[in-house]
Structures are given as structure tokens and as C-alpha cells.
Amino acid sequence: VAEVHIANSDFVNAPTTLHTTLTL
């Protein structure tokens, strides 16, 4: 899976907002 994010429900419309990005 290319990208994984944990975020507020508004994130899908505003992907630059504060959120958590997961990487290996």
C-alpha cells in the first residue's frame, strides 16, 4: 500500500491539514 494516513474526517478534502502519516 503506497500511503497510509490517520487523520480527522475533514482530511479527504484538505490533505495538507495536520495529521499523522505512517511509514516503514
PDB file of all heavy atoms in Angstrom:
ATOM      1  N   VAL A   1       0.867  -1.181   0.000  1.00  0.00           N
ATOM      2  CA  VAL A   1       0.000   0.000   0.000  1.00  0.00           C
ATOM      3  C   VAL A   1       0.902   1.229   0.000  1.00  0.00           C
ATOM      4  O   VAL A   1       1.838   1.329   0.802  1.00  0.00           O
ATOM      5  CB  VAL A   1      -0.953  -0.005   1.204  1.00  0.00           C
ATOM      6  CG1 VAL A   1      -1.730   1.306   1.294  1.00  0.00           C
ATOM      7  CG2 VAL A   1      -1.918  -1.181   1.099  1.00  0.00           C
ATOM      8  N   ALA A   2       0.642   2.165  -0.911  1.00  0.00           N
ATOM      9  CA  ALA A   2       1.572   3.272  -1.147  1.00  0.00           C
ATOM     10  C   ALA A   2       1.621   4.278  -0.008  1.00  0.00           C
ATOM     11  O   ALA A   2       2.697   4.748   0.369  1.00  0.00           O
ATOM     12  CB  ALA A   2       1.200   3.987  -2.449  1.00  0.00           C
ATOM     13  N   GLU A   3       0.464   4.642   0.535  1.00  0.00           N
ATOM     14  CA  GLU A   3       0.387   5.668   1.583  1.00  0.00           C
ATOM     15  C   GLU A   3      -0.616   5.250   2.645  1.00  0.00           C
ATOM     16  O   GLU A   3      -1.655   4.684   2.327  1.00  0.00           O
ATOM     17  CB  GLU A   3      -0.069   7.014   1.009  1.00  0.00           C
ATOM     18  CG  GLU A   3       0.829   7.630  -0.022  1.00  0.00           C
ATOM     19  CD  GLU A   3       0.247   8.945  -0.530  1.00  0.00           C
ATOM     20  OE1 GLU A   3      -0.745   9.437   0.050  1.00  0.00           O
ATOM     21  OE2 GLU A   3       0.781   9.468  -1.517  1.00  0.00           O
ATOM     22  N   VAL A   4      -0.306   5.588   3.899  1.00  0.00           N
ATOM     23  CA  VAL A   4      -1.247   5.364   4.993  1.00  0.00           C
ATOM     24  C   VAL A   4      -1.263   6.599   5.885  1.00  0.00           C
ATOM     25  O   VAL A   4      -0.207   7.092   6.297  1.00  0.00           O
ATOM     26  CB  VAL A   4      -0.879   4.121   5.830  1.00  0.00           C
ATOM     27  CG1 VAL A   4      -1.880   3.939   6.970  1.00  0.00           C
ATOM     28  CG2 VAL A   4      -0.844   2.863   4.961  1.00  0.00           C
ATOM     29  N   HIS A   5      -2.453   7.106   6.167  1.00  0.00           N
ATOM     30  CA  HIS A   5      -2.622   8.291   6.993  1.00  0.00           C
ATOM     31  C   HIS A   5      -3.694   8.051   8.055  1.00  0.00           C
ATOM     32  O   HIS A   5      -4.670   7.337   7.807  1.00  0.00           O
ATOM     33  CB  HIS A   5      -3.049   9.497   6.146  1.00  0.00           C
ATOM     34  CG  HIS A   5      -2.165   9.771   4.975  1.00  0.00           C
ATOM     35  ND1 HIS A   5      -1.004  10.503   5.069  1.00  0.00           N
ATOM     36  CD2 HIS A   5      -2.264   9.403   3.671  1.00  0.00           C
ATOM     37  CE1 HIS A   5      -0.431  10.587   3.884  1.00  0.00           C
ATOM     38  NE2 HIS A   5      -1.177   9.925   3.015  1.00  0.00           N
ATOM     39  N   ILE A   6      -3.504   8.669   9.219  1.00  0.00           N
ATOM     40  CA  ILE A   6      -4.528   8.713  10.261  1.00  0.00           C
ATOM     41  C   ILE A   6      -4.855  10.178  10.483  1.00  0.00           C
ATOM     42  O   ILE A   6      -3.956  10.981  10.749  1.00  0.00           O
ATOM     43  CB  ILE A   6      -4.041   8.071  11.572  1.00  0.00           C
ATOM     44  CG1 ILE A   6      -3.686   6.589  11.345  1.00  0.00           C
ATOM     45  CG2 ILE A   6      -5.108   8.195  12.661  1.00  0.00           C
ATOM     46  CD1 ILE A   6      -3.099   5.906  12.557  1.00  0.00           C
ATOM     47  N   ALA A   7      -6.137  10.531  10.337  1.00  0.00           N
ATOM     48  CA  ALA A   7      -6.462  11.952  10.297  1.00  0.00           C
ATOM     49  C   ALA A   7      -7.901  12.214  10.718  1.00  0.00           C
ATOM     50  O   ALA A   7      -8.711  11.297  10.865  1.00  0.00           O
ATOM     51  CB  ALA A   7      -6.245  12.486   8.879  1.00  0.00           C
ATOM     52  N   ASN A   8      -8.191  13.488  10.872  1.00  0.00           N
ATOM     53  CA  ASN A   8      -9.557  13.948  11.078  1.00  0.00           C
ATOM     54  C   ASN A   8     -10.393  13.640   9.840  1.00  0.00           C
ATOM     55  O   ASN A   8      -9.865  13.537   8.734  1.00  0.00           O
ATOM     56  CB  ASN A   8      -9.524  15.455  11.356  1.00  0.00           C
ATOM     57  CG  ASN A   8     -10.889  16.033  11.627  1.00  0.00           C
ATOM     58  OD1 ASN A   8     -11.589  16.438  10.700  1.00  0.00           O
ATOM     59  ND2 ASN A   8     -11.276  16.082  12.882  1.00  0.00           N
ATOM     60  N   SER A   9     -11.692  13.538  10.008  1.00  0.00           N
ATOM     61  CA  SER A   9     -12.565  13.186   8.887  1.00  0.00           C
ATOM     62  C   SER A   9     -12.593  14.252   7.799  1.00  0.00           C
ATOM     63  O   SER A   9     -13.051  13.992   6.684  1.00  0.00           O
ATOM     64  CB  SER A   9     -13.986  12.925   9.389  1.00  0.00           C
ATOM     65  OG  SER A   9     -14.488  14.051  10.088  1.00  0.00           O
ATOM     66  N   ASP A  10     -12.104  15.459   8.080  1.00  0.00           N
ATOM     67  CA  ASP A  10     -12.030  16.511   7.061  1.00  0.00           C
ATOM     68  C   ASP A  10     -10.822  16.337   6.139  1.00  0.00           C
ATOM     69  O   ASP A  10     -10.688  17.049   5.144  1.00  0.00           O
ATOM     70  CB  ASP A  10     -11.947  17.898   7.722  1.00  0.00           C
ATOM     71  CG  ASP A  10     -13.212  18.250   8.490  1.00  0.00           C
ATOM     72  OD1 ASP A  10     -14.292  17.772   8.089  1.00  0.00           O
ATOM     73  OD2 ASP A  10     -13.117  18.996   9.477  1.00  0.00           O
ATOM     74  N   PHE A  11      -9.961  15.379   6.456  1.00  0.00           N
ATOM     75  CA  PHE A  11      -8.682  15.241   5.761  1.00  0.00           C
ATOM     76  C   PHE A  11      -8.834  14.943   4.272  1.00  0.00           C
ATOM     77  O   PHE A  11      -8.029  15.379   3.458  1.00  0.00           O
ATOM     78  CB  PHE A  11      -7.855  14.151   6.439  1.00  0.00           C
ATOM     79  CG  PHE A  11      -6.513  13.904   5.826  1.00  0.00           C
ATOM     80  CD1 PHE A  11      -5.545  14.890   5.827  1.00  0.00           C
ATOM     81  CD2 PHE A  11      -6.204  12.679   5.251  1.00  0.00           C
ATOM     82  CE1 PHE A  11      -4.286  14.661   5.275  1.00  0.00           C
ATOM     83  CE2 PHE A  11      -4.954  12.442   4.696  1.00  0.00           C
ATOM     84  CZ  PHE A  11      -3.994  13.437   4.714  1.00  0.00           C
ATOM     85  N   VAL A  12      -9.873  14.200   3.896  1.00  0.00           N
ATOM     86  CA  VAL A  12     -10.020  13.821   2.485  1.00  0.00           C
ATOM     87  C   VAL A  12     -10.192  15.047   1.593  1.00  0.00           C
ATOM     88  O   VAL A  12      -9.856  15.020   0.411  1.00  0.00           O
ATOM     89  CB  VAL A  12     -11.188  12.842   2.275  1.00  0.00           C
ATOM     90  CG1 VAL A  12     -10.901  11.510   2.929  1.00  0.00           C
ATOM     91  CG2 VAL A  12     -12.500  13.426   2.774  1.00  0.00           C
ATOM     92  N   ASN A  13     -10.718  16.128   2.155  1.00  0.00           N
ATOM     93  CA  ASN A  13     -10.919  17.347   1.384  1.00  0.00           C
ATOM     94  C   ASN A  13      -9.807  18.368   1.605  1.00  0.00           C
ATOM     95  O   ASN A  13      -9.731  19.375   0.905  1.00  0.00           O
ATOM     96  CB  ASN A  13     -12.271  17.981   1.744  1.00  0.00           C
ATOM     97  CG  ASN A  13     -12.674  19.088   0.792  1.00  0.00           C
ATOM     98  OD1 ASN A  13     -12.525  18.955  -0.416  1.00  0.00           O
ATOM     99  ND2 ASN A  13     -13.165  20.185   1.335  1.00  0.00           N
ATOM    100  N   ALA A  14      -8.957  18.125   2.612  1.00  0.00           N
ATOM    101  CA  ALA A  14      -7.891  19.078   2.936  1.00  0.00           C
ATOM    102  C   ALA A  14      -6.650  18.310   3.375  1.00  0.00           C
ATOM    103  O   ALA A  14      -6.277  18.316   4.553  1.00  0.00           O
ATOM    104  CB  ALA A  14      -8.357  20.022   4.041  1.00  0.00           C
ATOM    105  N   PRO A  15      -5.982  17.628   2.431  1.00  0.00           N
ATOM    106  CA  PRO A  15      -4.869  16.728   2.790  1.00  0.00           C
ATOM    107  C   PRO A  15      -3.632  17.415   3.347  1.00  0.00           C
ATOM    108  O   PRO A  15      -2.725  16.732   3.823  1.00  0.00           O
ATOM    109  CB  PRO A  15      -4.560  16.023   1.461  1.00  0.00           C
ATOM    110  CG  PRO A  15      -5.100  16.921   0.408  1.00  0.00           C
ATOM    111  CD  PRO A  15      -6.297  17.591   1.005  1.00  0.00           C
ATOM    112  N   THR A  16      -3.580  18.745   3.311  1.00  0.00           N
ATOM    113  CA  THR A  16      -2.427  19.431   3.884  1.00  0.00           C
ATOM    114  C   THR A  16      -2.618  19.768   5.361  1.00  0.00           C
ATOM    115  O   THR A  16      -1.714  20.309   5.992  1.00  0.00           O
ATOM    116  CB  THR A  16      -2.137  20.732   3.106  1.00  0.00           C
ATOM    117  OG1 THR A  16      -3.285  21.597   3.175  1.00  0.00           O
ATOM    118  CG2 THR A  16      -1.806  20.431   1.649  1.00  0.00           C
ATOM    119  N   THR A  17      -3.787  19.464   5.899  1.00  0.00           N
ATOM    120  CA  THR A  17      -4.033  19.767   7.304  1.00  0.00           C
ATOM    121  C   THR A  17      -3.216  18.844   8.201  1.00  0.00           C
ATOM    122  O   THR A  17      -2.707  17.813   7.770  1.00  0.00           O
ATOM    123  CB  THR A  17      -5.518  19.625   7.653  1.00  0.00           C
ATOM    124  OG1 THR A  17      -5.955  18.302   7.291  1.00  0.00           O
ATOM    125  CG2 THR A  17      -6.357  20.654   6.918  1.00  0.00           C
ATOM    126  N   LEU A  18      -3.078  19.229   9.466  1.00  0.00           N
ATOM    127  CA  LEU A  18      -2.318  18.467  10.452  1.00  0.00           C
ATOM    128  C   LEU A  18      -2.885  17.060  10.564  1.00  0.00           C
ATOM    129  O   LEU A  18      -4.088  16.870  10.748  1.00  0.00           O
ATOM    130  CB  LEU A  18      -2.390  19.188  11.809  1.00  0.00           C
ATOM    131  CG  LEU A  18      -1.466  18.698  12.913  1.00  0.00           C
ATOM    132  CD1 LEU A  18       0.003  18.924  12.533  1.00  0.00           C
ATOM    133  CD2 LEU A  18      -1.799  19.446  14.203  1.00  0.00           C
ATOM    134  N   HIS A  19      -1.998  16.049  10.455  1.00  0.00           N
ATOM    135  CA  HIS A  19      -2.418  14.669  10.545  1.00  0.00           C
ATOM    136  C   HIS A  19      -1.196  13.785  10.794  1.00  0.00           C
ATOM    137  O   HIS A  19      -0.076  14.286  10.873  1.00  0.00           O
ATOM    138  CB  HIS A  19      -3.126  14.216   9.247  1.00  0.00           C
ATOM    139  CG  HIS A  19      -2.222  14.200   8.057  1.00  0.00           C
ATOM    140  ND1 HIS A  19      -1.911  15.322   7.336  1.00  0.00           N
ATOM    141  CD2 HIS A  19      -1.534  13.174   7.463  1.00  0.00           C
ATOM    142  CE1 HIS A  19      -1.092  15.006   6.352  1.00  0.00           C
ATOM    143  NE2 HIS A  19      -0.832  13.709   6.420  1.00  0.00           N
ATOM    144  N   THR A  20      -1.411  12.487  10.913  1.00  0.00           N
ATOM    145  CA  THR A  20      -0.320  11.534  11.103  1.00  0.00           C
ATOM    146  C   THR A  20      -0.105  10.715   9.847  1.00  0.00           C
ATOM    147  O   THR A  20      -1.046  10.120   9.330  1.00  0.00           O
ATOM    148  CB  THR A  20      -0.624  10.590  12.285  1.00  0.00           C
ATOM    149  OG1 THR A  20      -0.807  11.350  13.481  1.00  0.00           O
ATOM    150  CG2 THR A  20       0.521   9.601  12.487  1.00  0.00           C
ATOM    151  N   THR A  21       1.120  10.687   9.372  1.00  0.00           N
ATOM    152  CA  THR A  21       1.492   9.852   8.234  1.00  0.00           C
ATOM    153  C   THR A  21       2.348   8.689   8.747  1.00  0.00           C
ATOM    154  O   THR A  21       3.271   8.909   9.546  1.00  0.00           O
ATOM    155  CB  THR A  21       2.275  10.654   7.175  1.00  0.00           C
ATOM    156  OG1 THR A  21       1.419  11.666   6.637  1.00  0.00           O
ATOM    157  CG2 THR A  21       2.748   9.744   6.048  1.00  0.00           C
ATOM    158  N   LEU A  22       2.046   7.487   8.286  1.00  0.00           N
ATOM    159  CA  LEU A  22       2.789   6.295   8.690  1.00  0.00           C
ATOM    160  C   LEU A  22       3.769   5.881   7.590  1.00  0.00           C
ATOM    161  O   LEU A  22       3.418   5.907   6.414  1.00  0.00           O
ATOM    162  CB  LEU A  22       1.838   5.136   8.955  1.00  0.00           C
ATOM    163  CG  LEU A  22       0.973   5.130  10.235  1.00  0.00           C
ATOM    164  CD1 LEU A  22       1.825   5.079  11.460  1.00  0.00           C
ATOM    165  CD2 LEU A  22      -0.001   6.271  10.259  1.00  0.00           C
ATOM    166  N   THR A  23       4.977   5.516   7.972  1.00  0.00           N
ATOM    167  CA  THR A  23       5.948   4.957   7.039  1.00  0.00           C
ATOM    168  C   THR A  23       6.675   3.804   7.730  1.00  0.00           C
ATOM    169  O   THR A  23       6.656   3.680   8.954  1.00  0.00           O
ATOM    170  CB  THR A  23       6.992   6.004   6.585  1.00  0.00           C
ATOM    171  OG1 THR A  23       7.762   6.430   7.722  1.00  0.00           O
ATOM    172  CG2 THR A  23       6.343   7.195   5.918  1.00  0.00           C
ATOM    173  N   LEU A  24       7.312   2.989   6.931  1.00  0.00           N
ATOM    174  CA  LEU A  24       8.082   1.880   7.496  1.00  0.00           C
ATOM    175  C   LEU A  24       9.396   2.389   8.080  1.00  0.00           C
ATOM    176  O   LEU A  24       9.949   1.794   8.978  1.00  0.00           O
ATOM    177  CB  LEU A  24       8.353   0.825   6.418  1.00  0.00           C
ATOM    178  CG  LEU A  24       7.120   0.052   5.944  1.00  0.00           C
ATOM    179  CD1 LEU A  24       7.508  -0.872   4.810  1.00  0.00           C
ATOM    180  CD2 LEU A  24       6.495  -0.727   7.092  1.00  0.00           C
TER     181      LEU A  24
END
